Amino acid sequence: MSRFVALVLNDFRVLHRTGYVWATVAVFALLLFIALQVSRLDFEGFDNVVAAIILLDVVLTPVLVVGLMILLELGQGSFAALAATPLSRVTYAAARTTTVSIIGSAEMFLLALISYDGSLSIGLLLVALLSIAAIASVSAIIIVSPFNSLYPFMLPMIAWIFFLSAPAYGVVFGWDSGWLVWHPTAPSMTLLRGAFAPISPDALAYGVVGAAVWLLLLGFAALEALRSMQLRSAGA
């Protein structure tokens, strides 16, 4: 547990030292200003549009941040050093996912609380945000695993962000989202929409169970990706 806490605190220090935290504050201020202006509008489907925008943002941050942090560690040689320590891959992945999920969720959570004046389920909102951010974080470990530098990683990263955000496009453009039922972020999107409008017990169960199953499956894949990166960085 102490190693997990130490890793989480170290990730926060790295993000603060690189200026990411202050950049996040600046972006949050801009988004808050826009959200306060948009919240004055009254049109049909406004709740769904808000949920879609939140999904897009919460997917973007973890994929970008996790990918860049791992590439930074690979470039500095610290990732190879981790393989020689007693630190387990589970602890590393859990700490990195926790750090980035908190950062990725906090911005949209505060934004919704401040700017949204309709009925809001805070519990469902928090669960939805954390599940989206966690799924995006472990996905980023998988995506970045074949790469050693930023430029080759950029296009796959953008493609994966578009893929994970697919349920949001269905909401915005009015697509029939039935074919997205097995999509990794579709259960979390259901929970997110449920935070702004009531959903049925079946939909709630689908959201909770589906998000947990996808996080578990992607988590196992992320551990295998970490093992592959450790072997490669150690010259195996």
Protein backbone atom coordinates (compact mmCIF):
# COMPACT_ATOMS: atom_id res chain seq x y z
CA MET A 1 0.00 0.00 0.00
CA SER A 2 2.87 2.37 0.83
CA ARG A 3 4.36 1.85 -2.65
CA PHE A 4 1.01 2.58 -4.24
CA VAL A 5 0.64 5.85 -2.30
CA ALA A 6 4.24 6.82 -3.09
CA LEU A 7 3.64 6.27 -6.82
CA VAL A 8 0.43 8.31 -6.79
CA LEU A 9 2.15 11.20 -5.02
CA ASN A 10 5.10 10.99 -7.41
CA ASP A 11 2.77 11.17 -10.42
CA PHE A 12 1.16 14.30 -9.01
CA ARG A 13 4.62 15.83 -8.48
CA VAL A 14 5.64 15.02 -12.05
CA LEU A 15 2.46 16.56 -13.46
CA HIS A 16 2.93 19.65 -11.31
CA ARG A 17 6.60 19.99 -12.26
CA THR A 18 5.85 19.73 -16.00
CA GLY A 19 3.21 22.47 -15.74
CA TYR A 20 0.31 20.19 -16.56
CA VAL A 21 -1.62 21.06 -13.39
CA TRP A 22 -1.52 24.80 -14.14
CA ALA A 23 -2.48 24.16 -17.75
CA THR A 24 -5.45 22.15 -16.49
CA VAL A 25 -6.52 25.04 -14.25
CA ALA A 26 -6.38 27.44 -17.21
CA VAL A 27 -8.38 25.08 -19.42
CA PHE A 28 -10.89 24.55 -16.62
CA ALA A 29 -11.42 28.32 -16.31
CA LEU A 30 -12.07 28.57 -20.05
CA LEU A 31 -14.45 25.60 -20.06
CA LEU A 32 -16.28 26.98 -17.04
CA PHE A 33 -16.83 30.30 -18.80
CA ILE A 34 -18.18 28.51 -21.89
CA ALA A 35 -20.34 26.17 -19.80
CA LEU A 36 -21.90 29.07 -17.89
CA GLN A 37 -22.84 30.72 -21.18
CA VAL A 38 -24.22 27.52 -22.72
CA SER A 39 -26.16 26.67 -19.55
CA ARG A 40 -28.40 29.67 -20.26
CA LEU A 41 -29.61 28.03 -23.45
CA ASP A 42 -32.75 25.92 -23.36
CA PHE A 43 -33.16 23.36 -26.12
CA GLU A 44 -34.38 19.80 -26.41
CA GLY A 45 -31.71 17.21 -25.68
CA PHE A 46 -29.47 19.66 -23.83
CA ASP A 47 -28.77 17.07 -21.10
CA ASN A 48 -27.56 14.52 -23.64
CA VAL A 49 -25.30 17.04 -25.32
CA VAL A 50 -23.74 17.91 -21.96
CA ALA A 51 -23.14 14.21 -21.24
CA ALA A 52 -21.53 13.75 -24.66
CA ILE A 53 -19.18 16.71 -24.18
CA ILE A 54 -18.16 15.41 -20.76
CA LEU A 55 -17.39 11.98 -22.21
CA LEU A 56 -15.19 13.51 -24.92
CA ASP A 57 -13.17 15.51 -22.40
CA VAL A 58 -12.79 12.72 -19.85
CA VAL A 59 -11.55 10.32 -22.55
CA LEU A 60 -9.06 12.82 -23.97
CA THR A 61 -7.17 13.69 -20.78
CA PRO A 62 -6.22 10.19 -19.54
CA VAL A 63 -5.18 8.86 -22.96
CA LEU A 64 -2.97 11.88 -23.55
CA VAL A 65 -1.47 12.11 -20.06
CA VAL A 66 -0.81 8.40 -19.47
CA GLY A 67 0.77 8.05 -22.91
CA LEU A 68 3.05 11.05 -22.41
CA MET A 69 4.08 10.03 -18.88
CA ILE A 70 5.05 6.52 -19.96
CA LEU A 71 6.99 7.84 -22.96
CA LEU A 72 8.75 10.28 -20.62
CA GLU A 73 9.74 7.42 -18.32
CA LEU A 74 10.95 5.36 -21.27
CA GLY A 75 13.04 8.28 -22.53
CA GLN A 76 14.60 8.93 -19.13
CA GLY A 77 15.31 5.26 -18.47
CA SER A 78 13.23 5.23 -15.29
CA PHE A 79 10.78 2.72 -16.78
CA ALA A 80 13.57 0.16 -17.22
CA ALA A 81 14.65 0.78 -13.62
CA LEU A 82 11.15 -0.05 -12.40
CA ALA A 83 11.57 -3.58 -13.75
CA ALA A 84 14.49 -4.13 -11.34
CA THR A 85 12.52 -3.07 -8.26
CA PRO A 86 10.04 -5.10 -6.16
CA LEU A 87 7.27 -2.88 -7.56
CA SER A 88 4.60 -5.01 -9.20
CA ARG A 89 2.96 -4.18 -12.51
CA VAL A 90 -0.43 -4.21 -10.76
CA THR A 91 0.70 -1.51 -8.32
CA TYR A 92 2.22 0.59 -11.12
CA ALA A 93 -0.91 0.36 -13.30
CA ALA A 94 -3.26 0.98 -10.37
CA ALA A 95 -1.32 4.03 -9.17
CA ARG A 96 -1.05 5.57 -12.64
CA THR A 97 -4.75 4.91 -13.31
CA THR A 98 -5.77 6.38 -9.95
CA THR A 99 -3.73 9.57 -10.42
CA VAL A 100 -4.92 10.29 -13.93
CA SER A 101 -8.52 9.26 -13.22
CA ILE A 102 -8.72 11.74 -10.36
CA ILE A 103 -7.33 14.54 -12.52
CA GLY A 104 -9.43 13.59 -15.53
CA SER A 105 -12.64 13.40 -13.51
CA ALA A 106 -12.22 16.37 -11.17
CA GLU A 107 -12.41 19.01 -13.89
CA MET A 108 -15.71 17.80 -15.36
CA PHE A 109 -17.15 17.00 -11.93
CA LEU A 110 -16.61 20.56 -10.70
CA LEU A 111 -17.76 21.94 -14.04
CA ALA A 112 -21.06 20.07 -13.84
CA LEU A 113 -21.65 21.05 -10.20
CA ILE A 114 -21.01 24.73 -10.87
CA SER A 115 -22.63 25.25 -14.26
CA TYR A 116 -25.49 22.75 -14.45
CA ASP A 117 -28.66 24.04 -12.80
CA GLY A 118 -30.92 21.04 -13.45
CA SER A 119 -31.44 17.94 -11.31
CA LEU A 120 -28.22 16.00 -10.98
CA SER A 121 -27.31 12.66 -9.41
CA ILE A 122 -23.91 13.38 -7.89
CA GLY A 123 -23.24 9.72 -7.09
CA LEU A 124 -23.92 8.52 -10.64
CA LEU A 125 -21.94 11.41 -12.08
CA LEU A 126 -18.91 10.56 -9.98
CA VAL A 127 -19.09 6.83 -10.78
CA ALA A 128 -19.50 7.55 -14.50
CA LEU A 129 -16.59 10.00 -14.63
CA LEU A 130 -14.21 7.73 -12.72
CA SER A 131 -15.13 4.68 -14.81
CA ILE A 132 -14.60 6.56 -18.08
CA ALA A 133 -11.27 7.97 -16.91
CA ALA A 134 -10.08 4.59 -15.61
CA ILE A 135 -11.01 2.80 -18.85
CA ALA A 136 -9.24 5.49 -20.88
CA SER A 137 -6.17 5.29 -18.61
CA VAL A 138 -5.66 1.53 -18.88
CA SER A 139 -6.38 1.76 -22.62
CA ALA A 140 -3.57 4.31 -22.93
CA ILE A 141 -1.10 1.82 -21.43
CA ILE A 142 -2.08 -0.67 -24.14
CA ILE A 143 -1.90 1.89 -26.95
CA VAL A 144 1.49 3.35 -26.00
CA SER A 145 3.16 -0.02 -25.41
CA PRO A 146 4.59 -0.48 -28.97
CA PHE A 147 6.17 3.00 -29.04
CA ASN A 148 9.33 4.59 -27.65
CA SER A 149 8.80 8.21 -28.75
CA LEU A 150 6.02 10.74 -29.13
CA TYR A 151 5.67 11.23 -32.89
CA PRO A 152 4.87 7.62 -33.86
CA PHE A 153 2.39 7.55 -30.97
CA MET A 154 0.39 10.61 -32.04
CA LEU A 155 -1.82 9.14 -34.78
CA PRO A 156 -2.72 5.94 -32.87
CA MET A 157 -3.47 8.10 -29.83
CA ILE A 158 -5.85 10.35 -31.81
CA ALA A 159 -7.51 7.32 -33.43
CA TRP A 160 -8.06 5.69 -30.04
CA ILE A 161 -9.50 8.88 -28.57
CA PHE A 162 -12.00 9.00 -31.45
CA PHE A 163 -12.83 5.32 -30.90
CA LEU A 164 -13.39 5.62 -27.13
CA SER A 165 -15.56 8.70 -27.71
CA ALA A 166 -17.89 6.95 -30.21
CA PRO A 167 -20.93 6.80 -27.85
CA ALA A 168 -20.78 10.61 -27.59
CA TYR A 169 -21.08 10.97 -31.37
CA GLY A 170 -24.17 8.79 -31.33
CA VAL A 171 -25.80 11.13 -28.82
CA VAL A 172 -24.81 14.35 -30.61
CA PHE A 173 -25.79 13.21 -34.11
CA GLY A 174 -28.82 11.16 -33.10
CA TRP A 175 -27.51 7.80 -34.29
CA ASP A 176 -29.10 4.56 -33.19
CA SER A 177 -26.62 3.56 -30.50
CA GLY A 178 -27.81 -0.06 -30.21
CA TRP A 179 -24.80 -1.31 -32.17
CA LEU A 180 -22.53 0.40 -29.62
CA VAL A 181 -23.81 -1.68 -26.71
CA TRP A 182 -20.52 -3.63 -26.53
CA HIS A 183 -18.35 -0.52 -26.85
CA PRO A 184 -15.91 -0.02 -23.92
CA THR A 185 -17.32 3.36 -22.84
CA ALA A 186 -20.99 2.71 -23.69
CA PRO A 187 -21.87 1.45 -20.17
CA SER A 188 -20.22 4.49 -18.60
CA MET A 189 -22.05 6.75 -21.05
CA THR A 190 -25.31 5.20 -19.86
CA LEU A 191 -24.38 6.07 -16.26
CA LEU A 192 -23.37 9.57 -17.33
CA ARG A 193 -26.72 10.18 -19.01
CA GLY A 194 -28.39 8.75 -15.90
CA ALA A 195 -26.71 11.45 -13.82
CA PHE A 196 -28.70 14.08 -15.72
CA ALA A 197 -31.98 12.20 -16.28
CA PRO A 198 -33.55 9.10 -14.65
CA ILE A 199 -32.69 5.73 -16.19
CA SER A 200 -34.29 2.32 -15.73
CA PRO A 201 -32.90 -0.27 -13.28
CA ASP A 202 -31.85 -2.42 -16.26
CA ALA A 203 -29.90 0.47 -17.76
CA LEU A 204 -28.29 1.16 -14.39
CA ALA A 205 -27.24 -2.48 -14.02
CA TYR A 206 -25.87 -2.50 -17.57
CA GLY A 207 -23.85 0.64 -16.83
CA VAL A 208 -22.32 -0.60 -13.59
CA VAL A 209 -21.63 -4.20 -14.63
CA GLY A 210 -20.52 -3.27 -18.15
CA ALA A 211 -18.06 -0.63 -16.94
CA ALA A 212 -16.61 -3.04 -14.37
CA VAL A 213 -16.19 -5.84 -16.93
CA TRP A 214 -14.50 -3.58 -19.48
CA LEU A 215 -12.18 -2.15 -16.84
CA LEU A 216 -11.21 -5.66 -15.75
CA LEU A 217 -10.59 -6.89 -19.31
CA LEU A 218 -8.59 -3.83 -20.33
CA GLY A 219 -6.73 -3.95 -17.03
CA PHE A 220 -5.43 -7.45 -17.75
CA ALA A 221 -4.41 -6.36 -21.26
CA ALA A 222 -2.62 -3.33 -19.76
CA LEU A 223 -0.61 -5.56 -17.41
CA GLU A 224 0.52 -7.64 -20.37
CA ALA A 225 1.45 -4.43 -22.22
CA LEU A 226 3.51 -3.30 -19.22
CA ARG A 227 5.32 -6.64 -19.16
CA SER A 228 6.14 -6.27 -22.86
CA MET A 229 7.48 -2.74 -22.34
CA GLN A 230 9.60 -3.79 -19.38
CA LEU A 231 11.17 -6.61 -21.37
CA ARG A 232 11.84 -4.32 -24.32
CA SER A 233 13.30 -1.53 -22.19
CA ALA A 234 15.55 -4.05 -20.41
CA GLY A 235 16.84 -5.28 -23.77
CA ALA A 236 15.21 -8.71 -23.56
